[in-house]
């Protein structure tokens, strides 16, 4: 399954991982304040290669990847996945 950001970036979603109970547990823990788990959630949803592609997409000229932009992109992709599943 592919998810897309508003800016056109497409990411391949590992569908079986998104439907996994442990993925839901990670998201729940993030909601409860364990924000560091977003890295684990992104890797589970996109795989290491997908996360690397997203980082390169968001990388600034100075070589940095802004945390806020990465989190926003992850949330946008997650929302896109939920919309695809509900359509």
PDB file of N, CA and C in Angstrom:
ATOM      1  N   UNK A   1       0.847  -1.168   0.000  1.00  0.00           N
ATOM      2  CA  UNK A   1       0.000   0.000   0.000  1.00  0.00           C
ATOM      3  C   UNK A   1       0.895   1.233   0.000  1.00  0.00           C
ATOM      4  N   UNK A   2       0.511   2.224  -0.778  1.00  0.00           N
ATOM      5  CA  UNK A   2       1.264   3.475  -0.831  1.00  0.00           C
ATOM      6  C   UNK A   2       0.485   4.568  -0.132  1.00  0.00           C
ATOM      7  N   UNK A   3       1.235   5.388   0.590  1.00  0.00           N
ATOM      8  CA  UNK A   3       0.655   6.573   1.220  1.00  0.00           C
ATOM      9  C   UNK A   3       1.391   7.773   0.631  1.00  0.00           C
ATOM     10  N   UNK A   4       0.747   8.906   0.652  1.00  0.00           N
ATOM     11  CA  UNK A   4       1.307  10.090   0.005  1.00  0.00           C
ATOM     12  C   UNK A   4       1.194  11.307   0.920  1.00  0.00           C
ATOM     13  N   UNK A   5       2.275  12.107   0.895  1.00  0.00           N
ATOM     14  CA  UNK A   5       2.256  13.396   1.576  1.00  0.00           C
ATOM     15  C   UNK A   5       1.631  14.438   0.653  1.00  0.00           C
ATOM     16  N   UNK A   6       1.197  15.546   1.223  1.00  0.00           N
ATOM     17  CA  UNK A   6       0.602  16.616   0.425  1.00  0.00           C
ATOM     18  C   UNK A   6       1.563  17.143  -0.635  1.00  0.00           C
ATOM     19  N   UNK A   7       2.869  17.072  -0.355  1.00  0.00           N
ATOM     20  CA  UNK A   7       3.851  17.582  -1.309  1.00  0.00           C
ATOM     21  C   UNK A   7       4.176  16.579  -2.413  1.00  0.00           C
ATOM     22  N   UNK A   8       3.484  15.421  -2.425  1.00  0.00           N
ATOM     23  CA  UNK A   8       3.648  14.441  -3.482  1.00  0.00           C
ATOM     24  C   UNK A   8       4.561  13.271  -3.157  1.00  0.00           C
ATOM     25  N   UNK A   9       5.307  13.337  -2.065  1.00  0.00           N
ATOM     26  CA  UNK A   9       6.183  12.237  -1.685  1.00  0.00           C
ATOM     27  C   UNK A   9       5.343  11.001  -1.418  1.00  0.00           C
ATOM     28  N   UNK A  10       5.739   9.880  -2.021  1.00  0.00           N
ATOM     29  CA  UNK A  10       5.036   8.611  -1.802  1.00  0.00           C
ATOM     30  C   UNK A  10       5.905   7.663  -0.993  1.00  0.00           C
ATOM     31  N   UNK A  11       5.261   6.934  -0.107  1.00  0.00           N
ATOM     32  CA  UNK A  11       5.963   5.955   0.720  1.00  0.00           C
ATOM     33  C   UNK A  11       5.210   4.640   0.662  1.00  0.00           C
ATOM     34  N   UNK A  12       5.979   3.570   0.569  1.00  0.00           N
ATOM     35  CA  UNK A  12       5.401   2.228   0.617  1.00  0.00           C
ATOM     36  C   UNK A  12       5.185   1.875   2.084  1.00  0.00           C
ATOM     37  N   UNK A  13       3.962   1.516   2.432  1.00  0.00           N
ATOM     38  CA  UNK A  13       3.600   1.168   3.803  1.00  0.00           C
ATOM     39  C   UNK A  13       3.647  -0.350   3.946  1.00  0.00           C
ATOM     40  N   UNK A  14       4.222  -0.815   5.027  1.00  0.00           N
ATOM     41  CA  UNK A  14       4.243  -2.247   5.304  1.00  0.00           C
ATOM     42  C   UNK A  14       2.910  -2.580   5.967  1.00  0.00           C
ATOM     43  N   UNK A  15       1.969  -2.973   5.127  1.00  0.00           N
ATOM     44  CA  UNK A  15       0.575  -3.120   5.547  1.00  0.00           C
ATOM     45  C   UNK A  15       0.404  -4.102   6.706  1.00  0.00           C
ATOM     46  N   UNK A  16       1.116  -5.233   6.659  1.00  0.00           N
ATOM     47  CA  UNK A  16       0.948  -6.215   7.737  1.00  0.00           C
ATOM     48  C   UNK A  16       1.450  -5.665   9.072  1.00  0.00           C
ATOM     49  N   UNK A  17       2.424  -4.759   9.048  1.00  0.00           N
ATOM     50  CA  UNK A  17       2.902  -4.169  10.297  1.00  0.00           C
ATOM     51  C   UNK A  17       1.916  -3.134  10.846  1.00  0.00           C
ATOM     52  N   UNK A  18       1.277  -2.393   9.937  1.00  0.00           N
ATOM     53  CA  UNK A  18       0.297  -1.393  10.374  1.00  0.00           C
ATOM     54  C   UNK A  18      -0.925  -2.074  10.976  1.00  0.00           C
ATOM     55  N   UNK A  19      -1.240  -3.282  10.522  1.00  0.00           N
ATOM     56  CA  UNK A  19      -2.365  -4.033  11.066  1.00  0.00           C
ATOM     57  C   UNK A  19      -1.999  -4.889  12.263  1.00  0.00           C
ATOM     58  N   UNK A  20      -0.780  -4.740  12.755  1.00  0.00           N
ATOM     59  CA  UNK A  20      -0.281  -5.549  13.863  1.00  0.00           C
ATOM     60  C   UNK A  20      -0.644  -4.905  15.210  1.00  0.00           C
ATOM     61  N   UNK A  21      -1.047  -5.720  16.144  1.00  0.00           N
ATOM     62  CA  UNK A  21      -1.434  -5.242  17.477  1.00  0.00           C
ATOM     63  C   UNK A  21      -0.312  -4.450  18.137  1.00  0.00           C
ATOM     64  N   UNK A  22       0.931  -4.917  17.981  1.00  0.00           N
ATOM     65  CA  UNK A  22       2.052  -4.232  18.629  1.00  0.00           C
ATOM     66  C   UNK A  22       2.270  -2.830  18.059  1.00  0.00           C
ATOM     67  N   UNK A  23       1.929  -2.624  16.795  1.00  0.00           N
ATOM     68  CA  UNK A  23       1.993  -1.278  16.225  1.00  0.00           C
ATOM     69  C   UNK A  23       0.996  -0.371  16.940  1.00  0.00           C
ATOM     70  N   UNK A  24      -0.205  -0.884  17.172  1.00  0.00           N
ATOM     71  CA  UNK A  24      -1.213  -0.121  17.902  1.00  0.00           C
ATOM     72  C   UNK A  24      -0.742   0.191  19.323  1.00  0.00           C
ATOM     73  N   UNK A  25      -0.082  -0.770  19.955  1.00  0.00           N
ATOM     74  CA  UNK A  25       0.455  -0.533  21.304  1.00  0.00           C
ATOM     75  C   UNK A  25       1.497   0.594  21.289  1.00  0.00           C
ATOM     76  N   UNK A  26       2.354   0.594  20.266  1.00  0.00           N
ATOM     77  CA  UNK A  26       3.358   1.655  20.158  1.00  0.00           C
ATOM     78  C   UNK A  26       2.673   3.007  20.004  1.00  0.00           C
ATOM     79  N   UNK A  27       1.667   3.088  19.129  1.00  0.00           N
ATOM     80  CA  UNK A  27       0.944   4.348  18.939  1.00  0.00           C
ATOM     81  C   UNK A  27       0.266   4.794  20.229  1.00  0.00           C
ATOM     82  N   UNK A  28      -0.293   3.847  20.969  1.00  0.00           N
ATOM     83  CA  UNK A  28      -0.930   4.163  22.245  1.00  0.00           C
ATOM     84  C   UNK A  28       0.085   4.718  23.236  1.00  0.00           C
ATOM     85  N   UNK A  29       1.264   4.093  23.286  1.00  0.00           N
ATOM     86  CA  UNK A  29       2.318   4.574  24.182  1.00  0.00           C
ATOM     87  C   UNK A  29       2.774   5.981  23.788  1.00  0.00           C
ATOM     88  N   UNK A  30       2.831   6.261  22.488  1.00  0.00           N
ATOM     89  CA  UNK A  30       3.181   7.608  22.024  1.00  0.00           C
ATOM     90  C   UNK A  30       2.138   8.600  22.517  1.00  0.00           C
ATOM     91  N   UNK A  31       0.857   8.242  22.371  1.00  0.00           N
ATOM     92  CA  UNK A  31      -0.230   9.116  22.841  1.00  0.00           C
ATOM     93  C   UNK A  31      -0.151   9.369  24.341  1.00  0.00           C
ATOM     94  N   UNK A  32       0.399   8.412  25.070  1.00  0.00           N
ATOM     95  CA  UNK A  32       0.513   8.548  26.524  1.00  0.00           C
ATOM     96  C   UNK A  32       1.794   9.263  26.940  1.00  0.00           C
ATOM     97  N   UNK A  33       2.529   9.809  25.961  1.00  0.00           N
ATOM     98  CA  UNK A  33       3.675  10.629  26.291  1.00  0.00           C
ATOM     99  C   UNK A  33       5.041  10.050  25.983  1.00  0.00           C
ATOM    100  N   UNK A  34       5.096   8.820  25.521  1.00  0.00           N
ATOM    101  CA  UNK A  34       6.392   8.213  25.194  1.00  0.00           C
ATOM    102  C   UNK A  34       6.752   8.553  23.748  1.00  0.00           C
ATOM    103  N   UNK A  35       7.007   9.838  23.512  1.00  0.00           N
ATOM    104  CA  UNK A  35       7.193  10.347  22.154  1.00  0.00           C
ATOM    105  C   UNK A  35       8.410   9.762  21.441  1.00  0.00           C
ATOM    106  N   UNK A  36       9.392   9.289  22.170  1.00  0.00           N
ATOM    107  CA  UNK A  36      10.563   8.679  21.552  1.00  0.00           C
ATOM    108  C   UNK A  36      10.231   7.434  20.751  1.00  0.00           C
ATOM    109  N   UNK A  37       9.089   6.833  21.025  1.00  0.00           N
ATOM    110  CA  UNK A  37       8.686   5.626  20.305  1.00  0.00           C
ATOM    111  C   UNK A  37       8.248   5.902  18.870  1.00  0.00           C
ATOM    112  N   UNK A  38       8.137   7.188  18.514  1.00  0.00           N
ATOM    113  CA  UNK A  38       7.727   7.496  17.137  1.00  0.00           C
ATOM    114  C   UNK A  38       8.745   6.962  16.137  1.00  0.00           C
ATOM    115  N   UNK A  39      10.017   6.886  16.540  1.00  0.00           N
ATOM    116  CA  UNK A  39      11.042   6.322  15.656  1.00  0.00           C
ATOM    117  C   UNK A  39      10.735   4.850  15.388  1.00  0.00           C
ATOM    118  N   UNK A  40      10.403   4.121  16.437  1.00  0.00           N
ATOM    119  CA  UNK A  40      10.066   2.702  16.301  1.00  0.00           C
ATOM    120  C   UNK A  40       8.807   2.522  15.442  1.00  0.00           C
ATOM    121  N   UNK A  41       7.812   3.379  15.658  1.00  0.00           N
ATOM    122  CA  UNK A  41       6.570   3.301  14.887  1.00  0.00           C
ATOM    123  C   UNK A  41       6.834   3.571  13.405  1.00  0.00           C
ATOM    124  N   UNK A  42       7.655   4.573  13.120  1.00  0.00           N
ATOM    125  CA  UNK A  42       7.970   4.903  11.726  1.00  0.00           C
ATOM    126  C   UNK A  42       8.696   3.744  11.049  1.00  0.00           C
ATOM    127  N   UNK A  43       9.648   3.139  11.761  1.00  0.00           N
ATOM    128  CA  UNK A  43      10.373   1.994  11.184  1.00  0.00           C
ATOM    129  C   UNK A  43       9.445   0.812  10.938  1.00  0.00           C
ATOM    130  N   UNK A  44       8.494   0.618  11.852  1.00  0.00           N
ATOM    131  CA  UNK A  44       7.555  -0.497  11.696  1.00  0.00           C
ATOM    132  C   UNK A  44       6.620  -0.235  10.505  1.00  0.00           C
ATOM    133  N   UNK A  45       6.207   1.018  10.326  1.00  0.00           N
ATOM    134  CA  UNK A  45       5.266   1.353   9.268  1.00  0.00           C
ATOM    135  C   UNK A  45       5.942   1.449   7.902  1.00  0.00           C
ATOM    136  N   UNK A  46       7.166   2.006   7.854  1.00  0.00           N
ATOM    137  CA  UNK A  46       7.825   2.283   6.582  1.00  0.00           C
ATOM    138  C   UNK A  46       9.009   1.371   6.285  1.00  0.00           C
ATOM    139  N   UNK A  47       9.514   0.683   7.296  1.00  0.00           N
ATOM    140  CA  UNK A  47      10.753  -0.065   7.144  1.00  0.00           C
ATOM    141  C   UNK A  47      11.934   0.896   7.175  1.00  0.00           C
ATOM    142  N   UNK A  48      13.127   0.361   7.382  1.00  0.00           N
ATOM    143  CA  UNK A  48      14.314   1.208   7.482  1.00  0.00           C
ATOM    144  C   UNK A  48      14.543   1.986   6.194  1.00  0.00           C
ATOM    145  N   UNK A  49      14.397   1.328   5.044  1.00  0.00           N
ATOM    146  CA  UNK A  49      14.607   2.012   3.769  1.00  0.00           C
ATOM    147  C   UNK A  49      13.598   3.135   3.556  1.00  0.00           C
ATOM    148  N   UNK A  50      12.349   2.901   3.942  1.00  0.00           N
ATOM    149  CA  UNK A  50      11.320   3.926   3.811  1.00  0.00           C
ATOM    150  C   UNK A  50      11.592   5.128   4.696  1.00  0.00           C
ATOM    151  N   UNK A  51      12.045   4.875   5.915  1.00  0.00           N
ATOM    152  CA  UNK A  51      12.390   5.977   6.826  1.00  0.00           C
ATOM    153  C   UNK A  51      13.569   6.759   6.246  1.00  0.00           C
ATOM    154  N   UNK A  52      14.551   6.042   5.721  1.00  0.00           N
ATOM    155  CA  UNK A  52      15.705   6.717   5.114  1.00  0.00           C
ATOM    156  C   UNK A  52      15.288   7.578   3.927  1.00  0.00           C
ATOM    157  N   UNK A  53      14.384   7.076   3.107  1.00  0.00           N
ATOM    158  CA  UNK A  53      13.873   7.865   1.964  1.00  0.00           C
ATOM    159  C   UNK A  53      13.150   9.121   2.439  1.00  0.00           C
ATOM    160  N   UNK A  54      12.342   8.971   3.496  1.00  0.00           N
ATOM    161  CA  UNK A  54      11.613  10.118   4.035  1.00  0.00           C
ATOM    162  C   UNK A  54      12.589  11.144   4.605  1.00  0.00           C
ATOM    163  N   UNK A  55      13.602  10.676   5.317  1.00  0.00           N
ATOM    164  CA  UNK A  55      14.604  11.607   5.858  1.00  0.00           C
ATOM    165  C   UNK A  55      15.293  12.374   4.732  1.00  0.00           C
ATOM    166  N   UNK A  56      15.666  11.676   3.668  1.00  0.00           N
ATOM    167  CA  UNK A  56      16.314  12.352   2.540  1.00  0.00           C
ATOM    168  C   UNK A  56      15.379  13.369   1.897  1.00  0.00           C
ATOM    169  N   UNK A  57      14.100  13.030   1.834  1.00  0.00           N
ATOM    170  CA  UNK A  57      13.100  13.944   1.269  1.00  0.00           C
ATOM    171  C   UNK A  57      13.011  15.224   2.097  1.00  0.00           C
ATOM    172  N   UNK A  58      13.150  15.095   3.404  1.00  0.00           N
ATOM    173  CA  UNK A  58      12.986  16.237   4.312  1.00  0.00           C
ATOM    174  C   UNK A  58      14.304  16.928   4.676  1.00  0.00           C
ATOM    175  N   UNK A  59      15.422  16.367   4.268  1.00  0.00           N
ATOM    176  CA  UNK A  59      16.731  16.896   4.650  1.00  0.00           C
ATOM    177  C   UNK A  59      16.918  18.329   4.143  1.00  0.00           C
ATOM    178  N   UNK A  60      17.424  19.183   5.022  1.00  0.00           N
ATOM    179  CA  UNK A  60      17.697  20.590   4.704  1.00  0.00           C
ATOM    180  C   UNK A  60      19.052  20.715   4.008  1.00  0.00           C
ATOM    181  N   UNK A  61      19.304  21.874   3.444  1.00  0.00           N
ATOM    182  CA  UNK A  61      20.572  22.126   2.763  1.00  0.00           C
ATOM    183  C   UNK A  61      21.769  21.955   3.693  1.00  0.00           C
ATOM    184  N   UNK A  62      21.567  22.218   4.985  1.00  0.00           N
ATOM    185  CA  UNK A  62      22.674  22.086   5.941  1.00  0.00           C
ATOM    186  C   UNK A  62      22.873  20.641   6.413  1.00  0.00           C
ATOM    187  N   UNK A  63      22.069  19.708   5.861  1.00  0.00           N
ATOM    188  CA  UNK A  63      22.219  18.297   6.182  1.00  0.00           C
ATOM    189  C   UNK A  63      21.334  17.792   7.307  1.00  0.00           C
ATOM    190  N   UNK A  64      20.624  18.694   7.974  1.00  0.00           N
ATOM    191  CA  UNK A  64      19.773  18.307   9.102  1.00  0.00           C
ATOM    192  C   UNK A  64      18.389  17.857   8.642  1.00  0.00           C
ATOM    193  N   UNK A  65      17.792  17.004   9.462  1.00  0.00           N
ATOM    194  CA  UNK A  65      16.392  16.603   9.269  1.00  0.00           C
ATOM    195  C   UNK A  65      15.647  17.115  10.489  1.00  0.00           C
ATOM    196  N   UNK A  66      14.734  18.049  10.274  1.00  0.00           N
ATOM    197  CA  UNK A  66      14.006  18.675  11.367  1.00  0.00           C
ATOM    198  C   UNK A  66      13.052  17.680  12.023  1.00  0.00           C
ATOM    199  N   UNK A  67      13.150  17.577  13.344  1.00  0.00           N
ATOM    200  CA  UNK A  67      12.314  16.633  14.098  1.00  0.00           C
ATOM    201  C   UNK A  67      10.835  16.907  13.870  1.00  0.00           C
ATOM    202  N   UNK A  68      10.449  18.157  13.975  1.00  0.00           N
ATOM    203  CA  UNK A  68       9.034  18.510  13.835  1.00  0.00           C
ATOM    204  C   UNK A  68       8.507  18.122  12.453  1.00  0.00           C
ATOM    205  N   UNK A  69       9.289  18.399  11.416  1.00  0.00           N
ATOM    206  CA  UNK A  69       8.849  18.048  10.063  1.00  0.00           C
ATOM    207  C   UNK A  69       8.756  16.534   9.882  1.00  0.00           C
ATOM    208  N   UNK A  70       9.677  15.803  10.485  1.00  0.00           N
ATOM    209  CA  UNK A  70       9.651  14.338  10.390  1.00  0.00           C
ATOM    210  C   UNK A  70       8.400  13.786  11.086  1.00  0.00           C
ATOM    211  N   UNK A  71       8.100  14.295  12.272  1.00  0.00           N
ATOM    212  CA  UNK A  71       6.914  13.847  13.014  1.00  0.00           C
ATOM    213  C   UNK A  71       5.642  14.206  12.247  1.00  0.00           C
ATOM    214  N   UNK A  72       5.597  15.415  11.701  1.00  0.00           N
ATOM    215  CA  UNK A  72       4.425  15.824  10.926  1.00  0.00           C
ATOM    216  C   UNK A  72       4.241  14.939   9.694  1.00  0.00           C
ATOM    217  N   UNK A  73       5.346  14.602   9.021  1.00  0.00           N
ATOM    218  CA  UNK A  73       5.260  13.732   7.845  1.00  0.00           C
ATOM    219  C   UNK A  73       4.781  12.341   8.241  1.00  0.00           C
ATOM    220  N   UNK A  74       5.306  11.802   9.348  1.00  0.00           N
ATOM    221  CA  UNK A  74       4.853  10.494   9.830  1.00  0.00           C
ATOM    222  C   UNK A  74       3.352  10.531  10.113  1.00  0.00           C
ATOM    223  N   UNK A  75       2.897  11.565  10.800  1.00  0.00           N
ATOM    224  CA  UNK A  75       1.468  11.676  11.120  1.00  0.00           C
ATOM    225  C   UNK A  75       0.625  11.795   9.853  1.00  0.00           C
ATOM    226  N   UNK A  76       1.122  12.541   8.882  1.00  0.00           N
ATOM    227  CA  UNK A  76       0.389  12.688   7.624  1.00  0.00           C
ATOM    228  C   UNK A  76       0.300  11.354   6.882  1.00  0.00           C
ATOM    229  N   UNK A  77       1.394  10.606   6.866  1.00  0.00           N
ATOM    230  CA  UNK A  77       1.375   9.284   6.237  1.00  0.00           C
ATOM    231  C   UNK A  77       0.439   8.337   6.976  1.00  0.00           C
ATOM    232  N   UNK A  78       0.469   8.388   8.301  1.00  0.00           N
ATOM    233  CA  UNK A  78      -0.421   7.542   9.103  1.00  0.00           C
ATOM    234  C   UNK A  78      -1.877   7.886   8.829  1.00  0.00           C
ATOM    235  N   UNK A  79      -2.198   9.160   8.741  1.00  0.00           N
ATOM    236  CA  UNK A  79      -3.560   9.591   8.416  1.00  0.00           C
ATOM    237  C   UNK A  79      -3.946   9.106   7.025  1.00  0.00           C
ATOM    238  N   UNK A  80      -3.015   9.195   6.090  1.00  0.00           N
ATOM    239  CA  UNK A  80      -3.259   8.725   4.726  1.00  0.00           C
ATOM    240  C   UNK A  80      -3.568   7.233   4.712  1.00  0.00           C
ATOM    241  N   UNK A  81      -2.839   6.462   5.504  1.00  0.00           N
ATOM    242  CA  UNK A  81      -3.079   5.015   5.604  1.00  0.00           C
ATOM    243  C   UNK A  81      -4.484   4.757   6.138  1.00  0.00           C
ATOM    244  N   UNK A  82      -4.859   5.476   7.196  1.00  0.00           N
ATOM    245  CA  UNK A  82      -6.197   5.291   7.784  1.00  0.00           C
ATOM    246  C   UNK A  82      -7.280   5.642   6.776  1.00  0.00           C
ATOM    247  N   UNK A  83      -7.073   6.688   5.976  1.00  0.00           N
ATOM    248  CA  UNK A  83      -8.055   7.066   4.970  1.00  0.00           C
ATOM    249  C   UNK A  83      -8.144   5.999   3.881  1.00  0.00           C
ATOM    250  N   UNK A  84      -7.009   5.445   3.485  1.00  0.00           N
ATOM    251  CA  UNK A  84      -7.013   4.387   2.459  1.00  0.00           C
ATOM    252  C   UNK A  84      -7.742   3.144   2.960  1.00  0.00           C
ATOM    253  N   UNK A  85      -7.553   2.806   4.233  1.00  0.00           N
ATOM    254  CA  UNK A  85      -8.206   1.623   4.794  1.00  0.00           C
ATOM    255  C   UNK A  85      -9.715   1.822   4.903  1.00  0.00           C
ATOM    256  N   UNK A  86     -10.144   3.051   5.134  1.00  0.00           N
ATOM    257  CA  UNK A  86     -11.573   3.331   5.312  1.00  0.00           C
ATOM    258  C   UNK A  86     -12.303   3.604   4.005  1.00  0.00           C
ATOM    259  N   UNK A  87     -11.582   3.659   2.889  1.00  0.00           N
ATOM    260  CA  UNK A  87     -12.262   3.959   1.616  1.00  0.00           C
ATOM    261  C   UNK A  87     -12.572   2.705   0.836  1.00  0.00           C
TER     262      UNK A  87
END
